[in-house]
ModelCIF file with pLDDT and N, C-alpha, C, O atoms, coordinates in Angstrom:
data_MODEL
#
_entry.id   MODEL 
#
_entity.id                         1 
_entity.type                       polymer 
_entity.pdbx_number_of_molecules   1 
#
_entity_poly.entity_id                      1 
_entity_poly.type                           'polypeptide(L)' 
_entity_poly.nstd_linkage                   no 
_entity_poly.nstd_monomer                   no 
_entity_poly.pdbx_seq_one_letter_code       
;(UNK)(UNK)(UNK)(UNK)(UNK)(UNK)(UNK)(UNK)(UNK)(UNK)(UNK)(UNK)(UNK)(UNK)(UNK)(UNK)
(UNK)(UNK)(UNK)(UNK)(UNK)(UNK)(UNK)(UNK)(UNK)(UNK)(UNK)(UNK)(UNK)(UNK)(UNK)(UNK)
(UNK)(UNK)(UNK)(UNK)(UNK)(UNK)(UNK)(UNK)(UNK)(UNK)(UNK)(UNK)(UNK)(UNK)(UNK)
;
_entity_poly.pdbx_seq_one_letter_code_can   XXXXXXXXXXXXXXXXXXXXXXXXXXXXXXXXXXXXXXXXXXXXXXX 
_entity_poly.pdbx_strand_id                 A 
#
loop_
_entity_poly_seq.entity_id 
_entity_poly_seq.num 
_entity_poly_seq.mon_id 
_entity_poly_seq.hetero 
1 1  UNK n 
1 2  UNK n 
1 3  UNK n 
1 4  UNK n 
1 5  UNK n 
1 6  UNK n 
1 7  UNK n 
1 8  UNK n 
1 9  UNK n 
1 10 UNK n 
1 11 UNK n 
1 12 UNK n 
1 13 UNK n 
1 14 UNK n 
1 15 UNK n 
1 16 UNK n 
1 17 UNK n 
1 18 UNK n 
1 19 UNK n 
1 20 UNK n 
1 21 UNK n 
1 22 UNK n 
1 23 UNK n 
1 24 UNK n 
1 25 UNK n 
1 26 UNK n 
1 27 UNK n 
1 28 UNK n 
1 29 UNK n 
1 30 UNK n 
1 31 UNK n 
1 32 UNK n 
1 33 UNK n 
1 34 UNK n 
1 35 UNK n 
1 36 UNK n 
1 37 UNK n 
1 38 UNK n 
1 39 UNK n 
1 40 UNK n 
1 41 UNK n 
1 42 UNK n 
1 43 UNK n 
1 44 UNK n 
1 45 UNK n 
1 46 UNK n 
1 47 UNK n 
#
_struct_asym.id          A 
_struct_asym.entity_id   1 
#
loop_
_ma_qa_metric.id 
_ma_qa_metric.mode 
_ma_qa_metric.name 
_ma_qa_metric.software_group_id 
_ma_qa_metric.type 
1 global pLDDT . pLDDT 
2 local  pLDDT . pLDDT 
#
_ma_qa_metric_global.metric_id      1 
_ma_qa_metric_global.metric_value   93.04 
_ma_qa_metric_global.model_id       1 
_ma_qa_metric_global.ordinal_id     1 
#
loop_
_ma_qa_metric_local.label_asym_id 
_ma_qa_metric_local.label_comp_id 
_ma_qa_metric_local.label_seq_id 
_ma_qa_metric_local.metric_id 
_ma_qa_metric_local.metric_value 
_ma_qa_metric_local.model_id 
_ma_qa_metric_local.ordinal_id 
A UNK 1  2 98.00 1 1  
A UNK 2  2 98.00 1 2  
A UNK 3  2 96.00 1 3  
A UNK 4  2 95.00 1 4  
A UNK 5  2 96.00 1 5  
A UNK 6  2 97.00 1 6  
A UNK 7  2 96.00 1 7  
A UNK 8  2 96.00 1 8  
A UNK 9  2 97.00 1 9  
A UNK 10 2 96.00 1 10 
A UNK 11 2 95.00 1 11 
A UNK 12 2 95.00 1 12 
A UNK 13 2 95.00 1 13 
A UNK 14 2 96.00 1 14 
A UNK 15 2 97.00 1 15 
A UNK 16 2 97.00 1 16 
A UNK 17 2 97.00 1 17 
A UNK 18 2 98.00 1 18 
A UNK 19 2 98.00 1 19 
A UNK 20 2 97.00 1 20 
A UNK 21 2 98.00 1 21 
A UNK 22 2 98.00 1 22 
A UNK 23 2 98.00 1 23 
A UNK 24 2 97.00 1 24 
A UNK 25 2 98.00 1 25 
A UNK 26 2 98.00 1 26 
A UNK 27 2 98.00 1 27 
A UNK 28 2 97.00 1 28 
A UNK 29 2 97.00 1 29 
A UNK 30 2 98.00 1 30 
A UNK 31 2 98.00 1 31 
A UNK 32 2 98.00 1 32 
A UNK 33 2 98.00 1 33 
A UNK 34 2 98.00 1 34 
A UNK 35 2 98.00 1 35 
A UNK 36 2 98.00 1 36 
A UNK 37 2 96.00 1 37 
A UNK 38 2 94.00 1 38 
A UNK 39 2 92.00 1 39 
A UNK 40 2 85.00 1 40 
A UNK 41 2 83.00 1 41 
A UNK 42 2 84.00 1 42 
A UNK 43 2 76.00 1 43 
A UNK 44 2 70.00 1 44 
A UNK 45 2 68.00 1 45 
A UNK 46 2 65.00 1 46 
A UNK 47 2 65.00 1 47 
#
loop_
_atom_site.group_PDB 
_atom_site.id 
_atom_site.type_symbol 
_atom_site.label_atom_id 
_atom_site.label_alt_id 
_atom_site.label_comp_id 
_atom_site.label_asym_id 
_atom_site.label_entity_id 
_atom_site.label_seq_id 
_atom_site.pdbx_PDB_ins_code 
_atom_site.Cartn_x 
_atom_site.Cartn_y 
_atom_site.Cartn_z 
_atom_site.occupancy 
_atom_site.B_iso_or_equiv 
_atom_site.pdbx_formal_charge 
_atom_site.auth_seq_id 
_atom_site.auth_comp_id 
_atom_site.auth_asym_id 
_atom_site.auth_atom_id 
_atom_site.pdbx_PDB_model_num 
ATOM 1   N N  . UNK A 1 1  ? 46.230 -9.090  -51.678 1.00 98.00 ? 1  UNK A N  1 
ATOM 2   C CA . UNK A 1 1  ? 46.431 -8.695  -53.076 1.00 98.00 ? 1  UNK A CA 1 
ATOM 3   C C  . UNK A 1 1  ? 45.841 -9.822  -53.919 1.00 98.00 ? 1  UNK A C  1 
ATOM 4   O O  . UNK A 1 1  ? 46.516 -10.797 -54.250 1.00 98.00 ? 1  UNK A O  1 
ATOM 5   N N  . UNK A 1 2  ? 44.559 -9.659  -54.258 1.00 98.00 ? 2  UNK A N  1 
ATOM 6   C CA . UNK A 1 2  ? 43.855 -10.734 -54.960 1.00 98.00 ? 2  UNK A CA 1 
ATOM 7   C C  . UNK A 1 2  ? 43.529 -10.339 -56.406 1.00 98.00 ? 2  UNK A C  1 
ATOM 8   O O  . UNK A 1 2  ? 43.700 -9.184  -56.797 1.00 98.00 ? 2  UNK A O  1 
ATOM 9   N N  . UNK A 1 3  ? 43.061 -11.305 -57.184 1.00 96.00 ? 3  UNK A N  1 
ATOM 10  C CA . UNK A 1 3  ? 42.823 -11.140 -58.627 1.00 96.00 ? 3  UNK A CA 1 
ATOM 11  C C  . UNK A 1 3  ? 44.144 -10.793 -59.333 1.00 96.00 ? 3  UNK A C  1 
ATOM 12  O O  . UNK A 1 3  ? 44.281 -9.728  -59.936 1.00 96.00 ? 3  UNK A O  1 
ATOM 13  N N  . UNK A 1 4  ? 45.095 -11.702 -59.243 1.00 95.00 ? 4  UNK A N  1 
ATOM 14  C CA . UNK A 1 4  ? 46.473 -11.513 -59.713 1.00 95.00 ? 4  UNK A CA 1 
ATOM 15  C C  . UNK A 1 4  ? 47.132 -10.300 -59.056 1.00 95.00 ? 4  UNK A C  1 
ATOM 16  O O  . UNK A 1 4  ? 47.453 -9.301  -59.699 1.00 95.00 ? 4  UNK A O  1 
ATOM 17  N N  . UNK A 1 5  ? 47.314 -10.440 -57.747 1.00 96.00 ? 5  UNK A N  1 
ATOM 18  C CA . UNK A 1 5  ? 47.892 -9.362  -56.955 1.00 96.00 ? 5  UNK A CA 1 
ATOM 19  C C  . UNK A 1 5  ? 49.290 -8.933  -57.369 1.00 96.00 ? 5  UNK A C  1 
ATOM 20  O O  . UNK A 1 5  ? 49.693 -7.799  -57.106 1.00 96.00 ? 5  UNK A O  1 
ATOM 21  N N  . UNK A 1 6  ? 50.041 -9.832  -58.020 1.00 97.00 ? 6  UNK A N  1 
ATOM 22  C CA . UNK A 1 6  ? 51.388 -9.453  -58.466 1.00 97.00 ? 6  UNK A CA 1 
ATOM 23  C C  . UNK A 1 6  ? 51.319 -8.484  -59.643 1.00 97.00 ? 6  UNK A C  1 
ATOM 24  O O  . UNK A 1 6  ? 52.303 -7.818  -59.964 1.00 97.00 ? 6  UNK A O  1 
ATOM 25  N N  . UNK A 1 7  ? 50.151 -8.409  -60.286 1.00 96.00 ? 7  UNK A N  1 
ATOM 26  C CA . UNK A 1 7  ? 50.002 -7.552  -61.469 1.00 96.00 ? 7  UNK A CA 1 
ATOM 27  C C  . UNK A 1 7  ? 50.377 -6.117  -61.205 1.00 96.00 ? 7  UNK A C  1 
ATOM 28  O O  . UNK A 1 7  ? 50.995 -5.461  -62.044 1.00 96.00 ? 7  UNK A O  1 
ATOM 29  N N  . UNK A 1 8  ? 49.999 -5.622  -60.025 1.00 96.00 ? 8  UNK A N  1 
ATOM 30  C CA . UNK A 1 8  ? 50.236 -4.224  -59.648 1.00 96.00 ? 8  UNK A CA 1 
ATOM 31  C C  . UNK A 1 8  ? 51.727 -3.871  -59.718 1.00 96.00 ? 8  UNK A C  1 
ATOM 32  O O  . UNK A 1 8  ? 52.092 -2.725  -59.981 1.00 96.00 ? 8  UNK A O  1 
ATOM 33  N N  . UNK A 1 9  ? 52.570 -4.861  -59.482 1.00 97.00 ? 9  UNK A N  1 
ATOM 34  C CA . UNK A 1 9  ? 54.027 -4.634  -59.506 1.00 97.00 ? 9  UNK A CA 1 
ATOM 35  C C  . UNK A 1 9  ? 54.502 -4.183  -60.897 1.00 97.00 ? 9  UNK A C  1 
ATOM 36  O O  . UNK A 1 9  ? 55.424 -3.375  -61.010 1.00 97.00 ? 9  UNK A O  1 
ATOM 37  N N  . UNK A 1 10 ? 53.870 -4.707  -61.945 1.00 96.00 ? 10 UNK A N  1 
ATOM 38  C CA . UNK A 1 10 ? 54.141 -4.251  -63.306 1.00 96.00 ? 10 UNK A CA 1 
ATOM 39  C C  . UNK A 1 10 ? 55.311 -4.908  -64.004 1.00 96.00 ? 10 UNK A C  1 
ATOM 40  O O  . UNK A 1 10 ? 55.153 -5.476  -65.085 1.00 96.00 ? 10 UNK A O  1 
ATOM 41  N N  . UNK A 1 11 ? 56.494 -4.833  -63.392 1.00 95.00 ? 11 UNK A N  1 
ATOM 42  C CA . UNK A 1 11 ? 57.720 -5.386  -64.003 1.00 95.00 ? 11 UNK A CA 1 
ATOM 43  C C  . UNK A 1 11 ? 58.504 -6.171  -62.953 1.00 95.00 ? 11 UNK A C  1 
ATOM 44  O O  . UNK A 1 11 ? 58.492 -5.832  -61.769 1.00 95.00 ? 11 UNK A O  1 
ATOM 45  N N  . UNK A 1 12 ? 59.177 -7.213  -63.399 1.00 95.00 ? 12 UNK A N  1 
ATOM 46  C CA . UNK A 1 12 ? 59.957 -8.062  -62.489 1.00 95.00 ? 12 UNK A CA 1 
ATOM 47  C C  . UNK A 1 12 ? 61.024 -7.260  -61.747 1.00 95.00 ? 12 UNK A C  1 
ATOM 48  O O  . UNK A 1 12 ? 61.286 -7.513  -60.571 1.00 95.00 ? 12 UNK A O  1 
ATOM 49  N N  . UNK A 1 13 ? 61.641 -6.291  -62.431 1.00 95.00 ? 13 UNK A N  1 
ATOM 50  C CA . UNK A 1 13 ? 62.716 -5.504  -61.801 1.00 95.00 ? 13 UNK A CA 1 
ATOM 51  C C  . UNK A 1 13 ? 62.198 -4.656  -60.635 1.00 95.00 ? 13 UNK A C  1 
ATOM 52  O O  . UNK A 1 13 ? 62.972 -4.230  -59.778 1.00 95.00 ? 13 UNK A O  1 
ATOM 53  N N  . UNK A 1 14 ? 60.881 -4.416  -60.610 1.00 96.00 ? 14 UNK A N  1 
ATOM 54  C CA . UNK A 1 14 ? 60.294 -3.622  -59.522 1.00 96.00 ? 14 UNK A CA 1 
ATOM 55  C C  . UNK A 1 14 ? 59.916 -4.480  -58.309 1.00 96.00 ? 14 UNK A C  1 
ATOM 56  O O  . UNK A 1 14 ? 59.492 -3.958  -57.278 1.00 96.00 ? 14 UNK A O  1 
ATOM 57  N N  . UNK A 1 15 ? 60.076 -5.803  -58.445 1.00 97.00 ? 15 UNK A N  1 
ATOM 58  C CA . UNK A 1 15 ? 59.613 -6.721  -57.399 1.00 97.00 ? 15 UNK A CA 1 
ATOM 59  C C  . UNK A 1 15 ? 60.290 -6.486  -56.035 1.00 97.00 ? 15 UNK A C  1 
ATOM 60  O O  . UNK A 1 15 ? 59.595 -6.503  -55.020 1.00 97.00 ? 15 UNK A O  1 
ATOM 61  N N  . UNK A 1 16 ? 61.617 -6.268  -55.968 1.00 97.00 ? 16 UNK A N  1 
ATOM 62  C CA . UNK A 1 16 ? 62.235 -6.025  -54.651 1.00 97.00 ? 16 UNK A CA 1 
ATOM 63  C C  . UNK A 1 16 ? 61.626 -4.824  -53.914 1.00 97.00 ? 16 UNK A C  1 
ATOM 64  O O  . UNK A 1 16 ? 61.364 -4.896  -52.713 1.00 97.00 ? 16 UNK A O  1 
ATOM 65  N N  . UNK A 1 17 ? 61.403 -3.725  -54.640 1.00 97.00 ? 17 UNK A N  1 
ATOM 66  C CA . UNK A 1 17 ? 60.823 -2.528  -54.026 1.00 97.00 ? 17 UNK A CA 1 
ATOM 67  C C  . UNK A 1 17 ? 59.370 -2.798  -53.593 1.00 97.00 ? 17 UNK A C  1 
ATOM 68  O O  . UNK A 1 17 ? 58.937 -2.358  -52.528 1.00 97.00 ? 17 UNK A O  1 
ATOM 69  N N  . UNK A 1 18 ? 58.641 -3.517  -54.426 1.00 98.00 ? 18 UNK A N  1 
ATOM 70  C CA . UNK A 1 18 ? 57.251 -3.903  -54.175 1.00 98.00 ? 18 UNK A CA 1 
ATOM 71  C C  . UNK A 1 18 ? 57.153 -4.728  -52.887 1.00 98.00 ? 18 UNK A C  1 
ATOM 72  O O  . UNK A 1 18 ? 56.321 -4.450  -52.023 1.00 98.00 ? 18 UNK A O  1 
ATOM 73  N N  . UNK A 1 19 ? 58.014 -5.744  -52.773 1.00 98.00 ? 19 UNK A N  1 
ATOM 74  C CA . UNK A 1 19 ? 58.003 -6.617  -51.599 1.00 98.00 ? 19 UNK A CA 1 
ATOM 75  C C  . UNK A 1 19 ? 58.488 -5.886  -50.346 1.00 98.00 ? 19 UNK A C  1 
ATOM 76  O O  . UNK A 1 19 ? 57.978 -6.106  -49.247 1.00 98.00 ? 19 UNK A O  1 
ATOM 77  N N  . UNK A 1 20 ? 59.467 -5.027  -50.528 1.00 97.00 ? 20 UNK A N  1 
ATOM 78  C CA . UNK A 1 20 ? 60.001 -4.250  -49.401 1.00 97.00 ? 20 UNK A CA 1 
ATOM 79  C C  . UNK A 1 20 ? 58.918 -3.325  -48.822 1.00 97.00 ? 20 UNK A C  1 
ATOM 80  O O  . UNK A 1 20 ? 58.810 -3.168  -47.606 1.00 97.00 ? 20 UNK A O  1 
ATOM 81  N N  . UNK A 1 21 ? 58.123 -2.720  -49.709 1.00 98.00 ? 21 UNK A N  1 
ATOM 82  C CA . UNK A 1 21 ? 57.031 -1.854  -49.249 1.00 98.00 ? 21 UNK A CA 1 
ATOM 83  C C  . UNK A 1 21 ? 55.959 -2.663  -48.517 1.00 98.00 ? 21 UNK A C  1 
ATOM 84  O O  . UNK A 1 21 ? 55.457 -2.238  -47.477 1.00 98.00 ? 21 UNK A O  1 
ATOM 85  N N  . UNK A 1 22 ? 55.611 -3.829  -49.063 1.00 98.00 ? 22 UNK A N  1 
ATOM 86  C CA . UNK A 1 22 ? 54.634 -4.700  -48.398 1.00 98.00 ? 22 UNK A CA 1 
ATOM 87  C C  . UNK A 1 22 ? 55.123 -5.083  -47.005 1.00 98.00 ? 22 UNK A C  1 
ATOM 88  O O  . UNK A 1 22 ? 54.373 -5.048  -46.030 1.00 98.00 ? 22 UNK A O  1 
ATOM 89  N N  . UNK A 1 23 ? 56.392 -5.446  -46.940 1.00 98.00 ? 23 UNK A N  1 
ATOM 90  C CA . UNK A 1 23 ? 56.994 -5.860  -45.666 1.00 98.00 ? 23 UNK A CA 1 
ATOM 91  C C  . UNK A 1 23 ? 56.926 -4.726  -44.633 1.00 98.00 ? 23 UNK A C  1 
ATOM 92  O O  . UNK A 1 23 ? 56.701 -4.971  -43.448 1.00 98.00 ? 23 UNK A O  1 
ATOM 93  N N  . UNK A 1 24 ? 57.121 -3.490  -45.094 1.00 97.00 ? 24 UNK A N  1 
ATOM 94  C CA . UNK A 1 24 ? 57.126 -2.336  -44.178 1.00 97.00 ? 24 UNK A CA 1 
ATOM 95  C C  . UNK A 1 24 ? 55.737 -2.062  -43.595 1.00 97.00 ? 24 UNK A C  1 
ATOM 96  O O  . UNK A 1 24 ? 55.610 -1.391  -42.571 1.00 97.00 ? 24 UNK A O  1 
ATOM 97  N N  . UNK A 1 25 ? 54.691 -2.588  -44.257 1.00 98.00 ? 25 UNK A N  1 
ATOM 98  C CA . UNK A 1 25 ? 53.313 -2.357  -43.791 1.00 98.00 ? 25 UNK A CA 1 
ATOM 99  C C  . UNK A 1 25 ? 52.795 -3.498  -42.913 1.00 98.00 ? 25 UNK A C  1 
ATOM 100 O O  . UNK A 1 25 ? 51.659 -3.469  -42.439 1.00 98.00 ? 25 UNK A O  1 
ATOM 101 N N  . UNK A 1 26 ? 53.651 -4.504  -42.707 1.00 98.00 ? 26 UNK A N  1 
ATOM 102 C CA . UNK A 1 26 ? 53.218 -5.712  -42.012 1.00 98.00 ? 26 UNK A CA 1 
ATOM 103 C C  . UNK A 1 26 ? 53.472 -5.634  -40.507 1.00 98.00 ? 26 UNK A C  1 
ATOM 104 O O  . UNK A 1 26 ? 54.576 -5.308  -40.070 1.00 98.00 ? 26 UNK A O  1 
ATOM 105 N N  . UNK A 1 27 ? 52.446 -5.935  -39.729 1.00 98.00 ? 27 UNK A N  1 
ATOM 106 C CA . UNK A 1 27 ? 52.601 -6.028  -38.270 1.00 98.00 ? 27 UNK A CA 1 
ATOM 107 C C  . UNK A 1 27 ? 53.411 -7.277  -37.932 1.00 98.00 ? 27 UNK A C  1 
ATOM 108 O O  . UNK A 1 27 ? 53.468 -8.201  -38.743 1.00 98.00 ? 27 UNK A O  1 
ATOM 109 N N  . UNK A 1 28 ? 54.046 -7.330  -36.744 1.00 97.00 ? 28 UNK A N  1 
ATOM 110 C CA . UNK A 1 28 ? 54.697 -8.579  -36.328 1.00 97.00 ? 28 UNK A CA 1 
ATOM 111 C C  . UNK A 1 28 ? 53.670 -9.714  -36.331 1.00 97.00 ? 28 UNK A C  1 
ATOM 112 O O  . UNK A 1 28 ? 52.569 -9.560  -35.803 1.00 97.00 ? 28 UNK A O  1 
ATOM 113 N N  . UNK A 1 29 ? 54.029 -10.837 -36.918 1.00 97.00 ? 29 UNK A N  1 
ATOM 114 C CA . UNK A 1 29 ? 53.103 -11.969 -37.014 1.00 97.00 ? 29 UNK A CA 1 
ATOM 115 C C  . UNK A 1 29 ? 52.074 -11.818 -38.118 1.00 97.00 ? 29 UNK A C  1 
ATOM 116 O O  . UNK A 1 29 ? 51.161 -12.634 -38.241 1.00 97.00 ? 29 UNK A O  1 
ATOM 117 N N  . UNK A 1 30 ? 52.225 -10.767 -38.925 1.00 98.00 ? 30 UNK A N  1 
ATOM 118 C CA . UNK A 1 30 ? 51.265 -10.505 -40.007 1.00 98.00 ? 30 UNK A CA 1 
ATOM 119 C C  . UNK A 1 30 ? 51.510 -11.356 -41.238 1.00 98.00 ? 30 UNK A C  1 
ATOM 120 O O  . UNK A 1 30 ? 52.505 -12.075 -41.324 1.00 98.00 ? 30 UNK A O  1 
ATOM 121 N N  . UNK A 1 31 ? 50.585 -11.265 -42.196 1.00 98.00 ? 31 UNK A N  1 
ATOM 122 C CA . UNK A 1 31 ? 50.653 -12.095 -43.401 1.00 98.00 ? 31 UNK A CA 1 
ATOM 123 C C  . UNK A 1 31 ? 50.243 -11.296 -44.638 1.00 98.00 ? 31 UNK A C  1 
ATOM 124 O O  . UNK A 1 31 ? 49.363 -10.437 -44.584 1.00 98.00 ? 31 UNK A O  1 
ATOM 125 N N  . UNK A 1 32 ? 50.900 -11.604 -45.741 1.00 98.00 ? 32 UNK A N  1 
ATOM 126 C CA . UNK A 1 32 ? 50.516 -11.066 -47.045 1.00 98.00 ? 32 UNK A CA 1 
ATOM 127 C C  . UNK A 1 32 ? 49.925 -12.227 -47.828 1.00 98.00 ? 32 UNK A C  1 
ATOM 128 O O  . UNK A 1 32 ? 50.598 -13.236 -48.038 1.00 98.00 ? 32 UNK A O  1 
ATOM 129 N N  . UNK A 1 33 ? 48.675 -12.099 -48.262 1.00 98.00 ? 33 UNK A N  1 
ATOM 130 C CA . UNK A 1 33 ? 48.023 -13.142 -49.055 1.00 98.00 ? 33 UNK A CA 1 
ATOM 131 C C  . UNK A 1 33 ? 47.922 -12.635 -50.482 1.00 98.00 ? 33 UNK A C  1 
ATOM 132 O O  . UNK A 1 33 ? 47.241 -11.646 -50.754 1.00 98.00 ? 33 UNK A O  1 
ATOM 133 N N  . UNK A 1 34 ? 48.603 -13.317 -51.387 1.00 98.00 ? 34 UNK A N  1 
ATOM 134 C CA . UNK A 1 34 ? 48.729 -12.819 -52.759 1.00 98.00 ? 34 UNK A CA 1 
ATOM 135 C C  . UNK A 1 34 ? 48.508 -13.960 -53.747 1.00 98.00 ? 34 UNK A C  1 
ATOM 136 O O  . UNK A 1 34 ? 48.969 -15.080 -53.528 1.00 98.00 ? 34 UNK A O  1 
ATOM 137 N N  . UNK A 1 35 ? 47.802 -13.669 -54.830 1.00 98.00 ? 35 UNK A N  1 
ATOM 138 C CA . UNK A 1 35 ? 47.618 -14.713 -55.839 1.00 98.00 ? 35 UNK A CA 1 
ATOM 139 C C  . UNK A 1 35 ? 48.167 -14.261 -57.187 1.00 98.00 ? 35 UNK A C  1 
ATOM 140 O O  . UNK A 1 35 ? 48.299 -13.069 -57.465 1.00 98.00 ? 35 UNK A O  1 
ATOM 141 N N  . UNK A 1 36 ? 48.482 -15.254 -58.013 1.00 98.00 ? 36 UNK A N  1 
ATOM 142 C CA . UNK A 1 36 ? 48.944 -14.968 -59.368 1.00 98.00 ? 36 UNK A CA 1 
ATOM 143 C C  . UNK A 1 36 ? 48.792 -16.233 -60.199 1.00 98.00 ? 36 UNK A C  1 
ATOM 144 O O  . UNK A 1 36 ? 48.234 -17.229 -59.739 1.00 98.00 ? 36 UNK A O  1 
ATOM 145 N N  . UNK A 1 37 ? 49.295 -16.183 -61.430 1.00 96.00 ? 37 UNK A N  1 
ATOM 146 C CA . UNK A 1 37 ? 49.259 -17.348 -62.321 1.00 96.00 ? 37 UNK A CA 1 
ATOM 147 C C  . UNK A 1 37 ? 50.584 -17.468 -63.035 1.00 96.00 ? 37 UNK A C  1 
ATOM 148 O O  . UNK A 1 37 ? 51.231 -16.469 -63.349 1.00 96.00 ? 37 UNK A O  1 
ATOM 149 N N  . UNK A 1 38 ? 50.980 -18.703 -63.288 1.00 94.00 ? 38 UNK A N  1 
ATOM 150 C CA . UNK A 1 38 ? 52.155 -18.968 -64.128 1.00 94.00 ? 38 UNK A CA 1 
ATOM 151 C C  . UNK A 1 38 ? 51.640 -19.089 -65.556 1.00 94.00 ? 38 UNK A C  1 
ATOM 152 O O  . UNK A 1 38 ? 51.031 -20.097 -65.915 1.00 94.00 ? 38 UNK A O  1 
ATOM 153 N N  . UNK A 1 39 ? 51.886 -18.050 -66.384 1.00 92.00 ? 39 UNK A N  1 
ATOM 154 C CA . UNK A 1 39 ? 51.276 -18.034 -67.724 1.00 92.00 ? 39 UNK A CA 1 
ATOM 155 C C  . UNK A 1 39 ? 52.144 -18.710 -68.797 1.00 92.00 ? 39 UNK A C  1 
ATOM 156 O O  . UNK A 1 39 ? 51.958 -18.474 -69.991 1.00 92.00 ? 39 UNK A O  1 
ATOM 157 N N  . UNK A 1 40 ? 53.084 -19.543 -68.363 1.00 85.00 ? 40 UNK A N  1 
ATOM 158 C CA . UNK A 1 40 ? 53.919 -20.270 -69.328 1.00 85.00 ? 40 UNK A CA 1 
ATOM 159 C C  . UNK A 1 40 ? 53.050 -21.088 -70.298 1.00 85.00 ? 40 UNK A C  1 
ATOM 160 O O  . UNK A 1 40 ? 53.445 -21.328 -71.439 1.00 85.00 ? 40 UNK A O  1 
ATOM 161 N N  . UNK A 1 41 ? 51.872 -21.510 -69.838 1.00 83.00 ? 41 UNK A N  1 
ATOM 162 C CA . UNK A 1 41 ? 50.987 -22.339 -70.670 1.00 83.00 ? 41 UNK A CA 1 
ATOM 163 C C  . UNK A 1 41 ? 50.500 -21.595 -71.920 1.00 83.00 ? 41 UNK A C  1 
ATOM 164 O O  . UNK A 1 41 ? 50.040 -22.223 -72.873 1.00 83.00 ? 41 UNK A O  1 
ATOM 165 N N  . UNK A 1 42 ? 50.602 -20.256 -71.919 1.00 84.00 ? 42 UNK A N  1 
ATOM 166 C CA . UNK A 1 42 ? 50.098 -19.478 -73.053 1.00 84.00 ? 42 UNK A CA 1 
ATOM 167 C C  . UNK A 1 42 ? 51.077 -19.436 -74.224 1.00 84.00 ? 42 UNK A C  1 
ATOM 168 O O  . UNK A 1 42 ? 50.758 -18.919 -75.295 1.00 84.00 ? 42 UNK A O  1 
ATOM 169 N N  . UNK A 1 43 ? 52.264 -19.983 -74.010 1.00 76.00 ? 43 UNK A N  1 
ATOM 170 C CA . UNK A 1 43 ? 53.273 -19.951 -75.075 1.00 76.00 ? 43 UNK A CA 1 
ATOM 171 C C  . UNK A 1 43 ? 53.352 -21.291 -75.792 1.00 76.00 ? 43 UNK A C  1 
ATOM 172 O O  . UNK A 1 43 ? 53.101 -22.343 -75.203 1.00 76.00 ? 43 UNK A O  1 
ATOM 173 N N  . UNK A 1 44 ? 53.701 -21.237 -77.058 1.00 70.00 ? 44 UNK A N  1 
ATOM 174 C CA . UNK A 1 44 ? 53.735 -22.441 -77.904 1.00 70.00 ? 44 UNK A CA 1 
ATOM 175 C C  . UNK A 1 44 ? 54.888 -23.366 -77.525 1.00 70.00 ? 44 UNK A C  1 
ATOM 176 O O  . UNK A 1 44 ? 55.962 -22.918 -77.123 1.00 70.00 ? 44 UNK A O  1 
ATOM 177 N N  . UNK A 1 45 ? 54.639 -24.651 -77.662 1.00 68.00 ? 45 UNK A N  1 
ATOM 178 C CA . UNK A 1 45 ? 55.697 -25.648 -77.442 1.00 68.00 ? 45 UNK A CA 1 
ATOM 179 C C  . UNK A 1 45 ? 56.360 -26.001 -78.767 1.00 68.00 ? 45 UNK A C  1 
ATOM 180 O O  . UNK A 1 45 ? 55.720 -26.006 -79.818 1.00 68.00 ? 45 UNK A O  1 
ATOM 181 N N  . UNK A 1 46 ? 57.665 -26.298 -78.696 1.00 65.00 ? 46 UNK A N  1 
ATOM 182 C CA . UNK A 1 46 ? 58.327 -26.829 -79.901 1.00 65.00 ? 46 UNK A CA 1 
ATOM 183 C C  . UNK A 1 46 ? 58.273 -28.357 -79.845 1.00 65.00 ? 46 UNK A C  1 
ATOM 184 O O  . UNK A 1 46 ? 57.686 -28.931 -78.927 1.00 65.00 ? 46 UNK A O  1 
ATOM 185 N N  . UNK A 1 47 ? 58.901 -29.020 -80.849 1.00 65.00 ? 47 UNK A N  1 
ATOM 186 C CA . UNK A 1 47 ? 58.805 -30.496 -80.932 1.00 65.00 ? 47 UNK A CA 1 
ATOM 187 C C  . UNK A 1 47 ? 59.356 -31.195 -79.698 1.00 65.00 ? 47 UNK A C  1 
ATOM 188 O O  . UNK A 1 47 ? 59.342 -32.424 -79.627 1.00 65.00 ? 47 UNK A O  1 
#
């Protein structure tokens, strides 16, 4: 899941279902490679 793979999830509340589905598709010893960004930097700082 590349190019902000978490984006597809849409909302934080959907994350458990999203991860559960990914897990169900994983072979034993398999891996999920996912990227994202912490966009906290886009918000203004106070004093």
